[in-house]
Amino acid sequence: MSKIKYFVQQSWLLIVSSFCFGLLLAIANAAWSPIIEQNRINKLNVLAGRLIPKAKDFVPLEELGVEIKVKLLKGEKKKVDVYKAVTGDECFGWTFNAVGPGFQDKIELIIAVDKDFKTIAGFDVLASNESPGTGDKIKEEDFRTQFKAKPAAKLEVIKSGEARDNKILAISGATISSEAVVKIINHYVKEVKEEMQRKGLIGNDKEQ
């Protein structure tokens, strides 16, 4: 007991300081979390608007009473935020978030497809820490425009040649980052499409 008492006497200031610091962190997190989340939503809406410019509104499926859960790349199931891109009553497509491992860290994307899930309208990067000068080129328009109007089916990365049909030309010196983006898009497009077919939100034509 004497050792415990000695320890408390010698370290009380550290214990109190740690407690106060933890409390301040918790208060700051509670205060800033809604702002951070709102900024994230605002960024998502801006990017979604660029991918499907004909749409004026992006309605979360949750507001329509629909929840989409898909199997992630790691295997577990998780809810995916899916938005219906509309102008008035007309649907122009769908957007949804997707995340997966990159070369350095996880890559988070926003993916857009047409209303029937036949073609990819495009994608943009919500968050990425890929290597500056190489891997971070996944954010650049030259790479991203390759995906526009590609079939919403399995895409393939090539190291040389032309990005025709379902082929995507890898970024020079950043093949792993290129493959990571394609893998994420392939996985989520398939999973979200199948789940939305099960929910009756899009047709069940297997050729879609």
Protein backbone atom coordinates (compact mmCIF):
# COMPACT_ATOMS: atom_id res chain seq x y z
CA MET A 1 0.00 0.00 0.00
CA SER A 2 2.89 2.36 0.75
CA LYS A 3 4.13 2.01 -2.83
CA ILE A 4 0.66 2.84 -4.20
CA LYS A 5 0.40 5.84 -1.89
CA TYR A 6 3.83 7.02 -2.97
CA PHE A 7 2.90 6.61 -6.64
CA VAL A 8 -0.30 8.65 -6.15
CA GLN A 9 1.57 11.36 -4.28
CA GLN A 10 4.17 11.63 -7.02
CA SER A 11 1.87 11.40 -10.03
CA TRP A 12 -1.37 13.13 -8.99
CA LEU A 13 -0.63 16.14 -11.19
CA LEU A 14 -0.09 13.93 -14.23
CA ILE A 15 -3.31 12.01 -13.51
CA VAL A 16 -5.38 15.18 -13.10
CA SER A 17 -3.80 16.75 -16.19
CA SER A 18 -4.53 13.63 -18.26
CA PHE A 19 -8.13 13.61 -17.09
CA CYS A 20 -8.62 17.30 -17.91
CA PHE A 21 -6.95 16.90 -21.30
CA GLY A 22 -9.18 13.93 -22.15
CA LEU A 23 -12.26 15.85 -21.06
CA LEU A 24 -11.30 18.83 -23.23
CA LEU A 25 -10.75 16.52 -26.21
CA ALA A 26 -14.18 14.96 -25.72
CA ILE A 27 -15.84 18.40 -25.51
CA ALA A 28 -13.98 19.65 -28.59
CA ASN A 29 -14.89 16.51 -30.54
CA ALA A 30 -18.56 16.85 -29.63
CA ALA A 31 -18.52 20.51 -30.69
CA TRP A 32 -16.66 20.06 -33.98
CA SER A 33 -18.08 16.73 -35.20
CA PRO A 34 -21.35 18.20 -36.60
CA ILE A 35 -19.40 20.94 -38.42
CA ILE A 36 -16.92 18.44 -39.88
CA GLU A 37 -19.76 16.17 -41.01
CA GLN A 38 -21.64 19.10 -42.58
CA ASN A 39 -18.50 20.17 -44.46
CA ARG A 40 -18.15 16.61 -45.70
CA ILE A 41 -21.77 16.59 -46.92
CA ASN A 42 -21.28 19.95 -48.64
CA LYS A 43 -18.18 18.66 -50.42
CA LEU A 44 -20.03 15.51 -51.46
CA ASN A 45 -22.91 17.54 -52.91
CA VAL A 46 -20.54 19.75 -54.90
CA LEU A 47 -18.69 16.74 -56.36
CA ALA A 48 -21.96 14.91 -57.08
CA GLY A 49 -23.25 17.97 -58.92
CA ARG A 50 -20.20 17.94 -61.17
CA LEU A 51 -20.63 14.26 -61.97
CA ILE A 52 -24.34 14.51 -62.80
CA PRO A 53 -24.81 18.18 -63.77
CA LYS A 54 -28.40 17.69 -64.99
CA ALA A 55 -29.53 16.90 -61.45
CA LYS A 56 -30.48 19.75 -59.15
CA ASP A 57 -31.02 17.66 -56.03
CA PHE A 58 -29.40 14.61 -54.49
CA VAL A 59 -31.90 12.84 -52.26
CA PRO A 60 -30.56 10.33 -49.71
CA LEU A 61 -32.34 7.00 -50.07
CA GLU A 62 -32.72 7.00 -46.28
CA GLU A 63 -35.19 9.87 -46.70
CA LEU A 64 -37.19 7.57 -48.97
CA GLY A 65 -37.17 4.84 -46.35
CA VAL A 66 -34.55 2.69 -48.07
CA GLU A 67 -31.29 1.45 -46.57
CA ILE A 68 -28.55 -0.01 -48.75
CA LYS A 69 -26.07 -2.36 -47.10
CA VAL A 70 -23.26 -3.97 -49.07
CA LYS A 71 -20.32 -6.24 -48.39
CA LEU A 72 -17.15 -4.18 -48.14
CA LEU A 73 -13.80 -5.18 -49.62
CA LYS A 74 -12.75 -6.49 -46.20
CA GLY A 75 -15.83 -8.71 -46.05
CA GLU A 76 -18.03 -7.06 -43.43
CA LYS A 77 -21.39 -5.55 -44.33
CA LYS A 78 -21.99 -1.83 -43.92
CA LYS A 79 -24.53 0.80 -44.89
CA VAL A 80 -23.63 2.84 -47.96
CA ASP A 81 -24.93 6.37 -48.46
CA VAL A 82 -26.74 6.29 -51.81
CA TYR A 83 -28.28 9.42 -53.33
CA LYS A 84 -30.89 9.71 -56.05
CA ALA A 85 -29.91 12.43 -58.53
CA VAL A 86 -33.09 14.22 -59.58
CA THR A 87 -34.54 17.35 -61.07
CA GLY A 88 -38.16 17.48 -60.08
CA ASP A 89 -39.56 13.98 -60.61
CA GLU A 90 -36.96 12.98 -63.21
CA CYS A 91 -34.11 10.73 -62.12
CA PHE A 92 -30.78 11.22 -63.87
CA GLY A 93 -28.70 8.73 -61.90
CA TRP A 94 -27.30 7.68 -58.56
CA THR A 95 -24.26 8.56 -56.49
CA PHE A 96 -22.73 6.69 -53.59
CA ASN A 97 -19.63 6.65 -51.42
CA ALA A 98 -17.01 3.93 -51.70
CA VAL A 99 -13.87 3.24 -49.71
CA GLY A 100 -10.98 0.80 -50.02
CA PRO A 101 -7.23 0.43 -49.50
CA GLY A 102 -4.81 2.40 -51.66
CA PHE A 103 -1.03 2.30 -51.87
CA GLN A 104 -0.45 4.56 -48.83
CA ASP A 105 -3.77 4.61 -47.00
CA LYS A 106 -7.47 4.20 -47.64
CA ILE A 107 -9.06 5.93 -50.63
CA GLU A 108 -12.59 7.30 -50.36
CA LEU A 109 -14.50 7.99 -53.56
CA ILE A 110 -17.84 9.27 -54.71
CA ILE A 111 -19.11 7.26 -57.68
CA ALA A 112 -21.90 8.27 -60.05
CA VAL A 113 -23.84 6.05 -62.43
CA ASP A 114 -26.76 6.57 -64.79
CA LYS A 115 -30.34 5.87 -63.67
CA ASP A 116 -30.29 2.26 -64.94
CA PHE A 117 -26.78 1.40 -63.71
CA LYS A 118 -25.70 0.76 -67.30
CA THR A 119 -22.86 3.26 -67.45
CA ILE A 120 -20.55 5.09 -65.06
CA ALA A 121 -21.08 8.84 -65.06
CA GLY A 122 -17.73 9.34 -63.36
CA PHE A 123 -16.04 9.47 -59.98
CA ASP A 124 -14.23 11.93 -57.77
CA VAL A 125 -11.97 11.63 -54.75
CA LEU A 126 -13.35 12.53 -51.33
CA ALA A 127 -10.20 11.60 -49.40
CA SER A 128 -6.80 10.16 -50.31
CA ASN A 129 -3.22 10.16 -49.02
CA GLU A 130 -1.56 8.63 -52.08
CA SER A 131 2.03 9.56 -52.96
CA PRO A 132 2.45 13.19 -54.09
CA GLY A 133 3.32 13.52 -57.75
CA THR A 134 2.32 9.96 -58.66
CA GLY A 135 -0.47 8.24 -56.75
CA ASP A 136 -2.29 11.48 -56.03
CA LYS A 137 -2.83 11.84 -59.78
CA ILE A 138 -5.96 9.73 -59.28
CA LYS A 139 -7.54 13.12 -58.46
CA GLU A 140 -6.60 14.63 -61.81
CA GLU A 141 -9.06 15.01 -64.64
CA ASP A 142 -6.93 13.10 -67.19
CA PHE A 143 -7.29 9.94 -65.15
CA ARG A 144 -10.86 10.45 -63.98
CA THR A 145 -12.32 11.24 -67.41
CA GLN A 146 -11.41 7.73 -68.58
CA PHE A 147 -14.24 6.38 -66.44
CA LYS A 148 -16.96 8.58 -67.91
CA ALA A 149 -19.48 6.56 -69.97
CA LYS A 150 -17.64 3.31 -69.23
CA PRO A 151 -19.92 0.28 -68.75
CA ALA A 152 -21.05 -0.26 -65.15
CA ALA A 153 -19.41 -3.67 -65.23
CA LYS A 154 -15.94 -5.00 -64.48
CA LEU A 155 -13.24 -2.53 -65.53
CA GLU A 156 -9.70 -3.59 -66.37
CA VAL A 157 -6.44 -1.71 -65.79
CA ILE A 158 -3.89 -1.65 -68.62
CA LYS A 159 -0.35 -0.25 -68.48
CA SER A 160 -0.23 0.83 -72.12
CA GLY A 161 -2.53 1.20 -75.10
CA GLU A 162 -5.87 2.95 -75.42
CA ALA A 163 -8.59 3.20 -72.77
CA ARG A 164 -11.32 1.66 -74.90
CA ASP A 165 -14.38 -0.32 -73.86
CA ASN A 166 -13.89 -1.40 -70.24
CA LYS A 167 -10.14 -0.63 -70.12
CA ILE A 168 -8.55 2.02 -67.90
CA LEU A 169 -5.01 3.24 -68.62
CA ALA A 170 -2.93 3.23 -65.42
CA ILE A 171 -1.14 6.35 -64.25
CA SER A 172 2.54 6.13 -65.13
CA GLY A 173 4.48 5.23 -61.97
CA ALA A 174 1.30 4.70 -59.97
CA THR A 175 -0.13 1.40 -61.17
CA ILE A 176 -1.03 0.30 -57.64
CA SER A 177 -3.06 3.46 -56.98
CA SER A 178 -4.74 3.10 -60.37
CA GLU A 179 -5.62 -0.52 -59.68
CA ALA A 180 -6.90 0.42 -56.22
CA VAL A 181 -9.37 2.92 -57.67
CA VAL A 182 -10.58 0.44 -60.29
CA LYS A 183 -10.94 -2.31 -57.68
CA ILE A 184 -13.01 -0.04 -55.43
CA ILE A 185 -15.26 1.05 -58.30
CA ASN A 186 -15.72 -2.50 -59.62
CA HIS A 187 -16.64 -3.80 -56.19
CA TYR A 188 -19.05 -1.07 -55.14
CA VAL A 189 -20.82 -0.73 -58.49
CA LYS A 190 -21.53 -4.48 -58.46
CA GLU A 191 -22.59 -4.61 -54.80
CA VAL A 192 -24.75 -1.47 -54.83
CA LYS A 193 -26.37 -2.44 -58.14
CA GLU A 194 -27.32 -5.91 -56.91
CA GLU A 195 -28.70 -4.55 -53.64
CA MET A 196 -30.75 -1.90 -55.46
CA GLN A 197 -32.10 -4.57 -57.80
CA ARG A 198 -33.16 -6.59 -54.76
CA LYS A 199 -34.89 -3.51 -53.37
CA GLY A 200 -36.70 -2.96 -56.68
CA LEU A 201 -35.13 0.47 -57.23
CA ILE A 202 -33.73 -0.47 -60.64
CA GLY A 203 -34.58 -3.20 -63.14
CA ASN A 204 -33.37 -6.77 -62.74
CA ASP A 205 -32.24 -7.14 -66.34
CA LYS A 206 -28.94 -9.02 -66.08
CA GLU A 207 -27.63 -7.22 -69.15
CA GLN A 208 -27.77 -3.88 -67.38
